[in-house]
Amino acid sequence: MRVLGLVILGVFILCAEVFLGVQSFFPQALQKQKSDLVQTMIENKKTIVDQLSEQELAWLAENKTVQVGVDPNFYPLETFNERGQYTGLGGDYLRLLAHLTGLNFTVQRQQDWATVEELAQLKRIDLFMAVAKSERREQYLTFAQPYVNMPGMIMVPRSNDVQNLTLQDLNGKKLAVVKNYYWEDYVSSKYPDIILVPARDTIEAMQMVTSGQADAVIDYEFNLNEKIQVAGIYQLHTVGQVPSEFGHGVAVRTDLPELYNIISVALDQITPQEKQALADSWLKKAKPVTDSKRLQWYFFFFTQATLLVLLIISYVKAYARKAAINKANEIRAKMA
């Protein structure tokens, strides 16, 4: 019985270790829905109808549905979960806006960000939930105050041991960027001597560096970290940081001023403390573990798994030995 107890204890410890390991390496897999936080905020807020002008109320009466453009590859700011639902930090804000304004938001899911922007310029998308301001985008979008601001990171192959790399150092070099992302606009306007290599999404941009098609990649830290986990691209490391001039927030088409005013009034109902709580609930779970911690976990997991297997084998042998002894005793008792 003592050996059996140790086996049960070993199985329990191993299961707990697997759970903790998956939680550390793949936070999305076990991440709980954040409905509690958003729902609590919703329950404590009234609609903004009585704060709107007659013109805005008239627009609201005639336009009950708003088309939302999102980036499907921008976790944790926005993405689609395994059930196809729009989620992320932008998703939380969209739920709040729906409650405060009474609008119905239809989220359009496209394959990549460049397509989403093209649809907005064709006036088939009205609003964005997580977009950064740039001069190019200001031609057709009006931006609300950002609710989060994160830096960009420059990554290069691990074989390159350079440190504190700046964009200035990349003049004449090939830099992978996601097509139509803020960083493409920023680098093209500030550093025209850098050769930009546009990619469909962040994973493709990172793969361009690992395959030698580009010398470096730049993107937001949270996006790169998440893609490292998803695609397992561990051949790159961070060598520089670039502050973002503008954070991410809501933006509305310039030809929809009433919608922009309505959204702005709604966003004003969300306190700075609530904005911080929403950001923390997503961003603090987006960072991957380091390679050293990953190797440590693998070592302890396989060591304990091996010991557990040996313990089970020992238990099976002990049980078989005991059964054989009992059988032999039964035979002796019959012969006596």
C-alpha atoms as a PDB file:
ATOM      1  CA  MET A   1       0.000   0.000   0.000  1.00  0.00           C
ATOM      2  CA  ARG A   2       2.896   2.337   0.673  1.00  0.00           C
ATOM      3  CA  VAL A   3       4.203   1.905  -2.871  1.00  0.00           C
ATOM      4  CA  LEU A   4       0.704   2.433  -4.307  1.00  0.00           C
ATOM      5  CA  GLY A   5       0.377   5.656  -2.345  1.00  0.00           C
ATOM      6  CA  LEU A   6       3.680   6.882  -3.739  1.00  0.00           C
ATOM      7  CA  VAL A   7       2.526   6.073  -7.286  1.00  0.00           C
ATOM      8  CA  ILE A   8      -0.719   8.028  -6.829  1.00  0.00           C
ATOM      9  CA  LEU A   9       1.220  10.941  -5.343  1.00  0.00           C
ATOM     10  CA  GLY A  10       3.689  10.828  -8.239  1.00  0.00           C
ATOM     11  CA  VAL A  11       0.893  10.890 -10.837  1.00  0.00           C
ATOM     12  CA  PHE A  12      -0.724  13.859  -9.071  1.00  0.00           C
ATOM     13  CA  ILE A  13       2.564  15.796  -8.971  1.00  0.00           C
ATOM     14  CA  LEU A  14       3.260  15.037 -12.640  1.00  0.00           C
ATOM     15  CA  CYS A  15      -0.217  16.216 -13.708  1.00  0.00           C
ATOM     16  CA  ALA A  16       0.209  19.412 -11.692  1.00  0.00           C
ATOM     17  CA  GLU A  17       3.598  19.987 -13.306  1.00  0.00           C
ATOM     18  CA  VAL A  18       2.175  19.511 -16.813  1.00  0.00           C
ATOM     19  CA  PHE A  19      -0.597  22.009 -16.028  1.00  0.00           C
ATOM     20  CA  LEU A  20       1.867  24.596 -14.749  1.00  0.00           C
ATOM     21  CA  GLY A  21       4.177  24.028 -17.704  1.00  0.00           C
ATOM     22  CA  VAL A  22       1.430  24.496 -20.276  1.00  0.00           C
ATOM     23  CA  GLN A  23       0.218  27.570 -18.399  1.00  0.00           C
ATOM     24  CA  SER A  24       3.715  29.063 -18.567  1.00  0.00           C
ATOM     25  CA  PHE A  25       4.568  28.189 -22.166  1.00  0.00           C
ATOM     26  CA  PHE A  26       1.130  28.475 -23.775  1.00  0.00           C
ATOM     27  CA  PRO A  27      -0.948  30.924 -21.729  1.00  0.00           C
ATOM     28  CA  GLN A  28      -3.653  31.091 -24.394  1.00  0.00           C
ATOM     29  CA  ALA A  29      -4.447  27.398 -23.955  1.00  0.00           C
ATOM     30  CA  LEU A  30      -5.554  27.747 -20.342  1.00  0.00           C
ATOM     31  CA  GLN A  31      -6.426  31.420 -20.233  1.00  0.00           C
ATOM     32  CA  LYS A  32      -9.781  32.038 -18.610  1.00  0.00           C
ATOM     33  CA  GLN A  33     -12.329  34.306 -20.171  1.00  0.00           C
ATOM     34  CA  LYS A  34     -12.062  37.841 -18.843  1.00  0.00           C
ATOM     35  CA  SER A  35     -15.801  38.305 -18.794  1.00  0.00           C
ATOM     36  CA  ASP A  36     -15.871  38.829 -15.027  1.00  0.00           C
ATOM     37  CA  LEU A  37     -13.832  42.042 -15.172  1.00  0.00           C
ATOM     38  CA  VAL A  38     -15.680  43.444 -18.186  1.00  0.00           C
ATOM     39  CA  GLN A  39     -19.068  42.361 -16.868  1.00  0.00           C
ATOM     40  CA  THR A  40     -18.409  44.086 -13.552  1.00  0.00           C
ATOM     41  CA  MET A  41     -17.533  47.280 -15.393  1.00  0.00           C
ATOM     42  CA  ILE A  42     -20.653  46.990 -17.533  1.00  0.00           C
ATOM     43  CA  GLU A  43     -22.893  46.553 -14.484  1.00  0.00           C
ATOM     44  CA  ASN A  44     -21.517  49.766 -12.972  1.00  0.00           C
ATOM     45  CA  LYS A  45     -21.973  51.945 -16.069  1.00  0.00           C
ATOM     46  CA  LYS A  46     -25.011  53.557 -17.624  1.00  0.00           C
ATOM     47  CA  THR A  47     -25.552  54.164 -21.311  1.00  0.00           C
ATOM     48  CA  ILE A  48     -24.427  57.526 -22.699  1.00  0.00           C
ATOM     49  CA  VAL A  49     -27.617  58.332 -24.591  1.00  0.00           C
ATOM     50  CA  ASP A  50     -28.452  61.300 -22.345  1.00  0.00           C
ATOM     51  CA  GLN A  51     -24.994  62.800 -23.011  1.00  0.00           C
ATOM     52  CA  LEU A  52     -25.336  62.928 -26.795  1.00  0.00           C
ATOM     53  CA  SER A  53     -26.392  65.855 -28.961  1.00  0.00           C
ATOM     54  CA  GLU A  54     -29.522  65.784 -31.113  1.00  0.00           C
ATOM     55  CA  GLN A  55     -27.375  65.326 -34.201  1.00  0.00           C
ATOM     56  CA  GLU A  56     -25.573  62.374 -32.644  1.00  0.00           C
ATOM     57  CA  LEU A  57     -28.832  60.833 -31.467  1.00  0.00           C
ATOM     58  CA  ALA A  58     -30.241  61.186 -35.000  1.00  0.00           C
ATOM     59  CA  TRP A  59     -27.171  59.439 -36.415  1.00  0.00           C
ATOM     60  CA  LEU A  60     -27.496  56.718 -33.794  1.00  0.00           C
ATOM     61  CA  ALA A  61     -31.132  56.151 -34.730  1.00  0.00           C
ATOM     62  CA  GLU A  62     -30.257  55.710 -38.404  1.00  0.00           C
ATOM     63  CA  ASN A  63     -27.060  53.688 -37.972  1.00  0.00           C
ATOM     64  CA  LYS A  64     -27.480  50.851 -35.525  1.00  0.00           C
ATOM     65  CA  THR A  65     -24.764  48.616 -36.981  1.00  0.00           C
ATOM     66  CA  VAL A  66     -21.069  49.495 -37.176  1.00  0.00           C
ATOM     67  CA  GLN A  67     -18.528  47.496 -39.177  1.00  0.00           C
ATOM     68  CA  VAL A  68     -15.352  46.777 -37.194  1.00  0.00           C
ATOM     69  CA  GLY A  69     -12.001  45.991 -38.785  1.00  0.00           C
ATOM     70  CA  VAL A  70      -9.530  43.929 -36.780  1.00  0.00           C
ATOM     71  CA  ASP A  71      -6.125  42.338 -37.153  1.00  0.00           C
ATOM     72  CA  PRO A  72      -6.538  38.548 -36.750  1.00  0.00           C
ATOM     73  CA  ASN A  73      -2.838  38.143 -35.877  1.00  0.00           C
ATOM     74  CA  PHE A  74      -2.394  40.728 -33.128  1.00  0.00           C
ATOM     75  CA  TYR A  75      -2.771  38.888 -29.824  1.00  0.00           C
ATOM     76  CA  PRO A  76      -3.203  39.975 -27.066  1.00  0.00           C
ATOM     77  CA  LEU A  77      -4.636  43.253 -28.404  1.00  0.00           C
ATOM     78  CA  GLU A  78      -7.020  41.460 -30.723  1.00  0.00           C
ATOM     79  CA  THR A  79      -7.503  38.037 -32.219  1.00  0.00           C
ATOM     80  CA  PHE A  80     -10.112  35.307 -32.652  1.00  0.00           C
ATOM     81  CA  ASN A  81     -10.353  32.441 -30.176  1.00  0.00           C
ATOM     82  CA  GLU A  82     -10.873  28.778 -30.982  1.00  0.00           C
ATOM     83  CA  ARG A  83     -14.647  29.392 -31.251  1.00  0.00           C
ATOM     84  CA  GLY A  84     -14.158  32.148 -33.792  1.00  0.00           C
ATOM     85  CA  GLN A  85     -15.071  34.914 -31.339  1.00  0.00           C
ATOM     86  CA  TYR A  86     -13.343  38.288 -31.406  1.00  0.00           C
ATOM     87  CA  THR A  87     -11.298  38.617 -28.239  1.00  0.00           C
ATOM     88  CA  GLY A  88      -8.294  40.356 -26.708  1.00  0.00           C
ATOM     89  CA  LEU A  89      -7.914  43.802 -25.167  1.00  0.00           C
ATOM     90  CA  GLY A  90      -9.746  45.360 -28.101  1.00  0.00           C
ATOM     91  CA  GLY A  91     -12.521  42.816 -27.656  1.00  0.00           C
ATOM     92  CA  ASP A  92     -13.015  43.924 -24.048  1.00  0.00           C
ATOM     93  CA  TYR A  93     -13.291  47.549 -25.146  1.00  0.00           C
ATOM     94  CA  LEU A  94     -15.743  46.592 -27.881  1.00  0.00           C
ATOM     95  CA  ARG A  95     -18.034  44.933 -25.324  1.00  0.00           C
ATOM     96  CA  LEU A  96     -17.931  48.064 -23.209  1.00  0.00           C
ATOM     97  CA  LEU A  97     -18.691  50.294 -26.202  1.00  0.00           C
ATOM     98  CA  ALA A  98     -21.632  48.095 -27.190  1.00  0.00           C
ATOM     99  CA  HIS A  99     -23.139  48.508 -23.720  1.00  0.00           C
ATOM    100  CA  LEU A 100     -22.483  52.239 -23.459  1.00  0.00           C
ATOM    101  CA  THR A 101     -23.670  53.210 -26.940  1.00  0.00           C
ATOM    102  CA  GLY A 102     -26.311  50.591 -27.740  1.00  0.00           C
ATOM    103  CA  LEU A 103     -24.669  50.030 -31.131  1.00  0.00           C
ATOM    104  CA  ASN A 104     -24.411  46.644 -32.791  1.00  0.00           C
ATOM    105  CA  PHE A 105     -20.841  45.950 -33.848  1.00  0.00           C
ATOM    106  CA  THR A 106     -20.162  43.517 -36.682  1.00  0.00           C
ATOM    107  CA  VAL A 107     -16.574  42.285 -36.652  1.00  0.00           C
ATOM    108  CA  GLN A 108     -15.134  41.571 -40.078  1.00  0.00           C
ATOM    109  CA  ARG A 109     -12.557  38.792 -40.139  1.00  0.00           C
ATOM    110  CA  GLN A 110      -9.954  39.048 -42.888  1.00  0.00           C
ATOM    111  CA  GLN A 111      -6.772  37.107 -43.608  1.00  0.00           C
ATOM    112  CA  ASP A 112      -4.305  39.920 -42.985  1.00  0.00           C
ATOM    113  CA  TRP A 113      -4.022  43.527 -41.872  1.00  0.00           C
ATOM    114  CA  ALA A 114      -3.337  44.995 -45.328  1.00  0.00           C
ATOM    115  CA  THR A 115      -6.715  43.719 -46.541  1.00  0.00           C
ATOM    116  CA  VAL A 116      -8.458  45.237 -43.524  1.00  0.00           C
ATOM    117  CA  GLU A 117      -6.990  48.680 -44.235  1.00  0.00           C
ATOM    118  CA  GLU A 118      -7.952  48.468 -47.898  1.00  0.00           C
ATOM    119  CA  LEU A 119     -11.563  47.756 -46.929  1.00  0.00           C
ATOM    120  CA  ALA A 120     -11.578  50.774 -44.607  1.00  0.00           C
ATOM    121  CA  GLN A 121     -10.398  53.025 -47.426  1.00  0.00           C
ATOM    122  CA  LEU A 122     -13.225  51.603 -49.550  1.00  0.00           C
ATOM    123  CA  LYS A 123     -15.610  52.600 -46.706  1.00  0.00           C
ATOM    124  CA  ARG A 124     -16.583  49.032 -45.972  1.00  0.00           C
ATOM    125  CA  ILE A 125     -15.165  49.275 -42.437  1.00  0.00           C
ATOM    126  CA  ASP A 126     -16.191  52.032 -40.025  1.00  0.00           C
ATOM    127  CA  LEU A 127     -14.062  51.561 -36.951  1.00  0.00           C
ATOM    128  CA  PHE A 128     -10.872  49.959 -35.620  1.00  0.00           C
ATOM    129  CA  MET A 129     -10.381  48.793 -32.057  1.00  0.00           C
ATOM    130  CA  ALA A 130      -6.593  48.495 -31.811  1.00  0.00           C
ATOM    131  CA  VAL A 131      -4.719  50.695 -34.243  1.00  0.00           C
ATOM    132  CA  ALA A 132      -1.764  53.098 -33.923  1.00  0.00           C
ATOM    133  CA  LYS A 133      -1.739  56.538 -35.497  1.00  0.00           C
ATOM    134  CA  SER A 134       0.509  57.323 -38.463  1.00  0.00           C
ATOM    135  CA  GLU A 135       0.533  60.128 -41.023  1.00  0.00           C
ATOM    136  CA  ARG A 136      -0.714  57.787 -43.737  1.00  0.00           C
ATOM    137  CA  ARG A 137      -3.616  56.553 -41.626  1.00  0.00           C
ATOM    138  CA  GLU A 138      -4.599  60.068 -40.585  1.00  0.00           C
ATOM    139  CA  GLN A 139      -5.691  60.641 -44.166  1.00  0.00           C
ATOM    140  CA  TYR A 140      -8.774  58.472 -43.598  1.00  0.00           C
ATOM    141  CA  LEU A 141      -8.980  57.827 -39.839  1.00  0.00           C
ATOM    142  CA  THR A 142      -9.632  59.957 -36.748  1.00  0.00           C
ATOM    143  CA  PHE A 143      -7.933  58.593 -33.637  1.00  0.00           C
ATOM    144  CA  ALA A 144      -9.164  58.505 -30.055  1.00  0.00           C
ATOM    145  CA  GLN A 145      -6.709  58.624 -27.177  1.00  0.00           C
ATOM    146  CA  PRO A 146      -4.723  55.340 -27.043  1.00  0.00           C
ATOM    147  CA  TYR A 147      -5.455  52.954 -24.192  1.00  0.00           C
ATOM    148  CA  VAL A 148      -2.040  51.240 -24.306  1.00  0.00           C
ATOM    149  CA  ASN A 149       1.424  52.148 -25.598  1.00  0.00           C
ATOM    150  CA  MET A 150       4.109  49.498 -26.052  1.00  0.00           C
ATOM    151  CA  PRO A 151       7.562  49.738 -27.664  1.00  0.00           C
ATOM    152  CA  GLY A 152       8.792  48.063 -30.794  1.00  0.00           C
ATOM    153  CA  MET A 153      11.585  45.496 -30.647  1.00  0.00           C
ATOM    154  CA  ILE A 154      14.331  44.754 -33.140  1.00  0.00           C
ATOM    155  CA  MET A 155      15.232  41.072 -33.440  1.00  0.00           C
ATOM    156  CA  VAL A 156      18.108  39.429 -35.311  1.00  0.00           C
ATOM    157  CA  PRO A 157      19.451  35.859 -35.615  1.00  0.00           C
ATOM    158  CA  ARG A 158      21.107  34.502 -32.474  1.00  0.00           C
ATOM    159  CA  SER A 159      24.307  34.092 -34.480  1.00  0.00           C
ATOM    160  CA  ASN A 160      24.491  37.883 -34.514  1.00  0.00           C
ATOM    161  CA  ASP A 161      25.789  38.962 -31.099  1.00  0.00           C
ATOM    162  CA  VAL A 162      25.302  42.700 -31.659  1.00  0.00           C
ATOM    163  CA  GLN A 163      23.795  44.619 -28.719  1.00  0.00           C
ATOM    164  CA  ASN A 164      21.825  47.870 -28.411  1.00  0.00           C
ATOM    165  CA  LEU A 165      21.024  47.952 -32.107  1.00  0.00           C
ATOM    166  CA  THR A 166      19.197  51.070 -33.346  1.00  0.00           C
ATOM    167  CA  LEU A 167      17.285  51.732 -36.538  1.00  0.00           C
ATOM    168  CA  GLN A 168      20.096  54.049 -37.587  1.00  0.00           C
ATOM    169  CA  ASP A 169      22.426  51.038 -37.521  1.00  0.00           C
ATOM    170  CA  LEU A 170      20.198  49.317 -40.078  1.00  0.00           C
ATOM    171  CA  ASN A 171      20.729  51.878 -42.847  1.00  0.00           C
ATOM    172  CA  GLY A 172      21.422  49.925 -46.025  1.00  0.00           C
ATOM    173  CA  LYS A 173      20.192  46.704 -44.382  1.00  0.00           C
ATOM    174  CA  LYS A 174      17.032  44.713 -45.036  1.00  0.00           C
ATOM    175  CA  LEU A 175      14.368  45.064 -42.332  1.00  0.00           C
ATOM    176  CA  ALA A 176      11.316  42.793 -42.303  1.00  0.00           C
ATOM    177  CA  VAL A 177       8.048  44.541 -41.428  1.00  0.00           C
ATOM    178  CA  VAL A 178       4.392  43.563 -41.613  1.00  0.00           C
ATOM    179  CA  LYS A 179       2.768  45.260 -44.594  1.00  0.00           C
ATOM    180  CA  ASN A 180       0.805  48.389 -43.591  1.00  0.00           C
ATOM    181  CA  TYR A 181       1.740  48.061 -39.919  1.00  0.00           C
ATOM    182  CA  TYR A 182       2.686  51.191 -38.023  1.00  0.00           C
ATOM    183  CA  TRP A 183       6.370  50.233 -38.164  1.00  0.00           C
ATOM    184  CA  GLU A 184       6.394  50.194 -41.966  1.00  0.00           C
ATOM    185  CA  ASP A 185       5.019  53.749 -41.969  1.00  0.00           C
ATOM    186  CA  TYR A 186       7.395  54.851 -39.225  1.00  0.00           C
ATOM    187  CA  VAL A 187      10.596  53.426 -40.717  1.00  0.00           C
ATOM    188  CA  SER A 188       9.828  54.501 -44.286  1.00  0.00           C
ATOM    189  CA  SER A 189       9.314  58.105 -43.180  1.00  0.00           C
ATOM    190  CA  LYS A 190      12.117  58.366 -40.588  1.00  0.00           C
ATOM    191  CA  TYR A 191      14.777  56.041 -42.052  1.00  0.00           C
ATOM    192  CA  PRO A 192      14.475  56.030 -45.869  1.00  0.00           C
ATOM    193  CA  ASP A 193      17.886  54.332 -46.258  1.00  0.00           C
ATOM    194  CA  ILE A 194      16.622  51.127 -44.640  1.00  0.00           C
ATOM    195  CA  ILE A 195      15.467  48.535 -47.171  1.00  0.00           C
ATOM    196  CA  LEU A 196      12.006  47.403 -46.079  1.00  0.00           C
ATOM    197  CA  VAL A 197      10.907  43.835 -46.777  1.00  0.00           C
ATOM    198  CA  PRO A 198       7.098  43.665 -46.325  1.00  0.00           C
ATOM    199  CA  ALA A 199       5.521  40.480 -44.965  1.00  0.00           C
ATOM    200  CA  ARG A 200       1.930  39.302 -44.696  1.00  0.00           C
ATOM    201  CA  ASP A 201       2.109  38.871 -40.915  1.00  0.00           C
ATOM    202  CA  THR A 202       4.577  38.813 -38.026  1.00  0.00           C
ATOM    203  CA  ILE A 203       5.396  35.114 -38.299  1.00  0.00           C
ATOM    204  CA  GLU A 204       6.299  35.509 -41.972  1.00  0.00           C
ATOM    205  CA  ALA A 205       8.430  38.556 -41.118  1.00  0.00           C
ATOM    206  CA  MET A 206      10.335  36.572 -38.479  1.00  0.00           C
ATOM    207  CA  GLN A 207      10.805  33.668 -40.883  1.00  0.00           C
ATOM    208  CA  MET A 208      12.312  36.070 -43.421  1.00  0.00           C
ATOM    209  CA  VAL A 209      15.079  36.780 -40.918  1.00  0.00           C
ATOM    210  CA  THR A 210      15.684  33.122 -40.056  1.00  0.00           C
ATOM    211  CA  SER A 211      15.881  32.275 -43.785  1.00  0.00           C
ATOM    212  CA  GLY A 212      18.272  35.133 -44.582  1.00  0.00           C
ATOM    213  CA  GLN A 213      15.833  37.183 -46.674  1.00  0.00           C
ATOM    214  CA  ALA A 214      16.130  40.038 -44.157  1.00  0.00           C
ATOM    215  CA  ASP A 215      18.752  41.122 -41.630  1.00  0.00           C
ATOM    216  CA  ALA A 216      16.331  42.033 -38.843  1.00  0.00           C
ATOM    217  CA  VAL A 217      12.653  42.334 -37.983  1.00  0.00           C
ATOM    218  CA  ILE A 218      10.779  45.024 -36.068  1.00  0.00           C
ATOM    219  CA  ASP A 219       7.391  44.700 -34.423  1.00  0.00           C
ATOM    220  CA  TYR A 220       5.727  45.285 -31.088  1.00  0.00           C
ATOM    221  CA  GLU A 221       7.190  43.389 -28.164  1.00  0.00           C
ATOM    222  CA  PHE A 222       3.896  41.737 -27.203  1.00  0.00           C
ATOM    223  CA  ASN A 223       3.304  40.572 -30.774  1.00  0.00           C
ATOM    224  CA  LEU A 224       6.808  39.142 -31.249  1.00  0.00           C
ATOM    225  CA  ASN A 225       6.707  37.359 -27.897  1.00  0.00           C
ATOM    226  CA  GLU A 226       3.398  35.723 -28.696  1.00  0.00           C
ATOM    227  CA  LYS A 227       4.532  34.605 -32.140  1.00  0.00           C
ATOM    228  CA  ILE A 228       7.661  33.044 -30.615  1.00  0.00           C
ATOM    229  CA  GLN A 229       5.351  30.853 -28.557  1.00  0.00           C
ATOM    230  CA  VAL A 230       2.924  30.070 -31.369  1.00  0.00           C
ATOM    231  CA  ALA A 231       5.458  29.327 -34.122  1.00  0.00           C
ATOM    232  CA  GLY A 232       8.392  28.224 -31.966  1.00  0.00           C
ATOM    233  CA  ILE A 233      10.810  30.641 -33.646  1.00  0.00           C
ATOM    234  CA  TYR A 234      13.668  30.559 -31.131  1.00  0.00           C
ATOM    235  CA  GLN A 235      16.435  31.379 -33.622  1.00  0.00           C
ATOM    236  CA  LEU A 236      15.977  35.112 -33.020  1.00  0.00           C
ATOM    237  CA  HIS A 237      16.802  37.342 -30.067  1.00  0.00           C
ATOM    238  CA  THR A 238      16.066  40.940 -29.141  1.00  0.00           C
ATOM    239  CA  VAL A 239      18.892  43.432 -29.660  1.00  0.00           C
ATOM    240  CA  GLY A 240      17.167  46.807 -29.590  1.00  0.00           C
ATOM    241  CA  GLN A 241      14.081  48.699 -28.526  1.00  0.00           C
ATOM    242  CA  VAL A 242      12.260  51.494 -30.352  1.00  0.00           C
ATOM    243  CA  PRO A 243       9.760  53.668 -28.437  1.00  0.00           C
ATOM    244  CA  SER A 244       6.395  53.997 -30.111  1.00  0.00           C
ATOM    245  CA  GLU A 245       5.333  57.583 -30.774  1.00  0.00           C
ATOM    246  CA  PHE A 246       1.665  56.617 -30.542  1.00  0.00           C
ATOM    247  CA  GLY A 247      -0.087  53.881 -28.639  1.00  0.00           C
ATOM    248  CA  HIS A 248      -2.980  51.686 -29.746  1.00  0.00           C
ATOM    249  CA  GLY A 249      -6.595  52.660 -29.440  1.00  0.00           C
ATOM    250  CA  VAL A 250      -9.873  53.176 -31.261  1.00  0.00           C
ATOM    251  CA  ALA A 251     -10.030  54.938 -34.633  1.00  0.00           C
ATOM    252  CA  VAL A 252     -13.018  55.947 -36.759  1.00  0.00           C
ATOM    253  CA  ARG A 253     -13.268  56.855 -40.440  1.00  0.00           C
ATOM    254  CA  THR A 254     -12.891  60.599 -40.972  1.00  0.00           C
ATOM    255  CA  ASP A 255     -16.217  60.796 -42.837  1.00  0.00           C
ATOM    256  CA  LEU A 256     -18.094  59.566 -39.737  1.00  0.00           C
ATOM    257  CA  PRO A 257     -17.690  62.455 -37.259  1.00  0.00           C
ATOM    258  CA  GLU A 258     -20.902  61.619 -35.373  1.00  0.00           C
ATOM    259  CA  LEU A 259     -19.680  58.070 -34.740  1.00  0.00           C
ATOM    260  CA  TYR A 260     -16.326  59.408 -33.563  1.00  0.00           C
ATOM    261  CA  ASN A 261     -18.030  61.762 -31.098  1.00  0.00           C
ATOM    262  CA  ILE A 262     -20.255  58.977 -29.775  1.00  0.00           C
ATOM    263  CA  ILE A 263     -17.291  56.644 -29.307  1.00  0.00           C
ATOM    264  CA  SER A 264     -15.269  59.393 -27.614  1.00  0.00           C
ATOM    265  CA  VAL A 265     -18.049  60.077 -25.093  1.00  0.00           C
ATOM    266  CA  ALA A 266     -18.260  56.344 -24.370  1.00  0.00           C
ATOM    267  CA  LEU A 267     -14.513  55.965 -23.905  1.00  0.00           C
ATOM    268  CA  ASP A 268     -14.539  58.855 -21.434  1.00  0.00           C
ATOM    269  CA  GLN A 269     -16.702  56.705 -19.145  1.00  0.00           C
ATOM    270  CA  ILE A 270     -13.817  54.259 -18.667  1.00  0.00           C
ATOM    271  CA  THR A 271     -11.543  55.430 -15.857  1.00  0.00           C
ATOM    272  CA  PRO A 272      -7.714  55.305 -16.030  1.00  0.00           C
ATOM    273  CA  GLN A 273      -7.770  52.621 -13.318  1.00  0.00           C
ATOM    274  CA  GLU A 274     -10.158  50.497 -15.358  1.00  0.00           C
ATOM    275  CA  LYS A 275      -8.034  50.936 -18.488  1.00  0.00           C
ATOM    276  CA  GLN A 276      -4.969  49.784 -16.558  1.00  0.00           C
ATOM    277  CA  ALA A 277      -6.829  46.774 -15.170  1.00  0.00           C
ATOM    278  CA  LEU A 278      -7.959  45.758 -18.656  1.00  0.00           C
ATOM    279  CA  ALA A 279      -4.444  46.135 -20.080  1.00  0.00           C
ATOM    280  CA  ASP A 280      -2.877  44.169 -17.225  1.00  0.00           C
ATOM    281  CA  SER A 281      -5.357  41.333 -17.647  1.00  0.00           C
ATOM    282  CA  TRP A 282      -4.046  40.730 -21.176  1.00  0.00           C
ATOM    283  CA  LEU A 283      -0.508  42.057 -21.469  1.00  0.00           C
ATOM    284  CA  LYS A 284       0.908  40.512 -18.307  1.00  0.00           C
ATOM    285  CA  LYS A 285       0.063  37.035 -19.591  1.00  0.00           C
ATOM    286  CA  ALA A 286       1.565  37.497 -23.039  1.00  0.00           C
ATOM    287  CA  LYS A 287       5.272  37.177 -22.206  1.00  0.00           C
ATOM    288  CA  PRO A 288       6.908  33.813 -22.913  1.00  0.00           C
ATOM    289  CA  VAL A 289       9.233  32.069 -20.549  1.00  0.00           C
ATOM    290  CA  THR A 290      12.945  32.220 -21.242  1.00  0.00           C
ATOM    291  CA  ASP A 291      14.814  29.367 -22.876  1.00  0.00           C
ATOM    292  CA  SER A 292      16.633  28.583 -19.612  1.00  0.00           C
ATOM    293  CA  LYS A 293      13.367  28.181 -17.699  1.00  0.00           C
ATOM    294  CA  ARG A 294      11.965  26.076 -20.507  1.00  0.00           C
ATOM    295  CA  LEU A 295      14.973  23.727 -20.359  1.00  0.00           C
ATOM    296  CA  GLN A 296      14.706  23.539 -16.580  1.00  0.00           C
ATOM    297  CA  TRP A 297      11.071  22.544 -16.842  1.00  0.00           C
ATOM    298  CA  TYR A 298      11.843  19.900 -19.481  1.00  0.00           C
ATOM    299  CA  PHE A 299      14.616  18.491 -17.267  1.00  0.00           C
ATOM    300  CA  PHE A 300      12.480  18.215 -14.140  1.00  0.00           C
ATOM    301  CA  PHE A 301       9.467  16.915 -16.057  1.00  0.00           C
ATOM    302  CA  PHE A 302      11.341  14.096 -17.797  1.00  0.00           C
ATOM    303  CA  THR A 303      13.313  13.266 -14.665  1.00  0.00           C
ATOM    304  CA  GLN A 304      10.154  12.952 -12.596  1.00  0.00           C
ATOM    305  CA  ALA A 305       8.369  11.076 -15.374  1.00  0.00           C
ATOM    306  CA  THR A 306      11.245   8.574 -15.523  1.00  0.00           C
ATOM    307  CA  LEU A 307      11.213   8.134 -11.747  1.00  0.00           C
ATOM    308  CA  LEU A 308       7.438   7.662 -11.814  1.00  0.00           C
ATOM    309  CA  VAL A 309       7.715   4.982 -14.508  1.00  0.00           C
ATOM    310  CA  LEU A 310      10.387   3.170 -12.469  1.00  0.00           C
ATOM    311  CA  LEU A 311       8.171   3.432  -9.395  1.00  0.00           C
ATOM    312  CA  ILE A 312       5.213   1.963 -11.287  1.00  0.00           C
ATOM    313  CA  ILE A 313       7.393  -0.882 -12.579  1.00  0.00           C
ATOM    314  CA  SER A 314       8.594  -1.504  -9.022  1.00  0.00           C
ATOM    315  CA  TYR A 315       4.996  -1.530  -7.795  1.00  0.00           C
ATOM    316  CA  VAL A 316       3.896  -3.960 -10.526  1.00  0.00           C
ATOM    317  CA  LYS A 317       6.804  -6.288  -9.752  1.00  0.00           C
ATOM    318  CA  ALA A 318       6.110  -6.115  -6.013  1.00  0.00           C
ATOM    319  CA  TYR A 319       2.424  -6.827  -6.627  1.00  0.00           C
ATOM    320  CA  ALA A 320       3.269  -9.781  -8.909  1.00  0.00           C
ATOM    321  CA  ARG A 321       5.760 -11.122  -6.341  1.00  0.00           C
ATOM    322  CA  LYS A 322       3.182 -10.848  -3.597  1.00  0.00           C
ATOM    323  CA  ALA A 323       0.582 -12.613  -5.758  1.00  0.00           C
ATOM    324  CA  ALA A 324       3.051 -15.407  -6.517  1.00  0.00           C
ATOM    325  CA  ILE A 325       3.854 -15.851  -2.803  1.00  0.00           C
ATOM    326  CA  ASN A 326       0.150 -15.977  -1.922  1.00  0.00           C
ATOM    327  CA  LYS A 327      -0.435 -18.532  -4.668  1.00  0.00           C
ATOM    328  CA  ALA A 328       2.463 -20.650  -3.402  1.00  0.00           C
ATOM    329  CA  ASN A 329       1.122 -20.481   0.165  1.00  0.00           C
ATOM    330  CA  GLU A 330      -2.306 -21.584  -1.063  1.00  0.00           C
ATOM    331  CA  ILE A 331      -0.747 -24.611  -2.790  1.00  0.00           C
ATOM    332  CA  ARG A 332       1.262 -25.528   0.325  1.00  0.00           C
ATOM    333  CA  ALA A 333      -1.869 -25.225   2.450  1.00  0.00           C
ATOM    334  CA  LYS A 334      -3.732 -27.651   0.185  1.00  0.00           C
ATOM    335  CA  MET A 335      -0.880 -30.144   0.228  1.00  0.00           C
ATOM    336  CA  ALA A 336      -0.514 -30.036   4.036  1.00  0.00           C
END
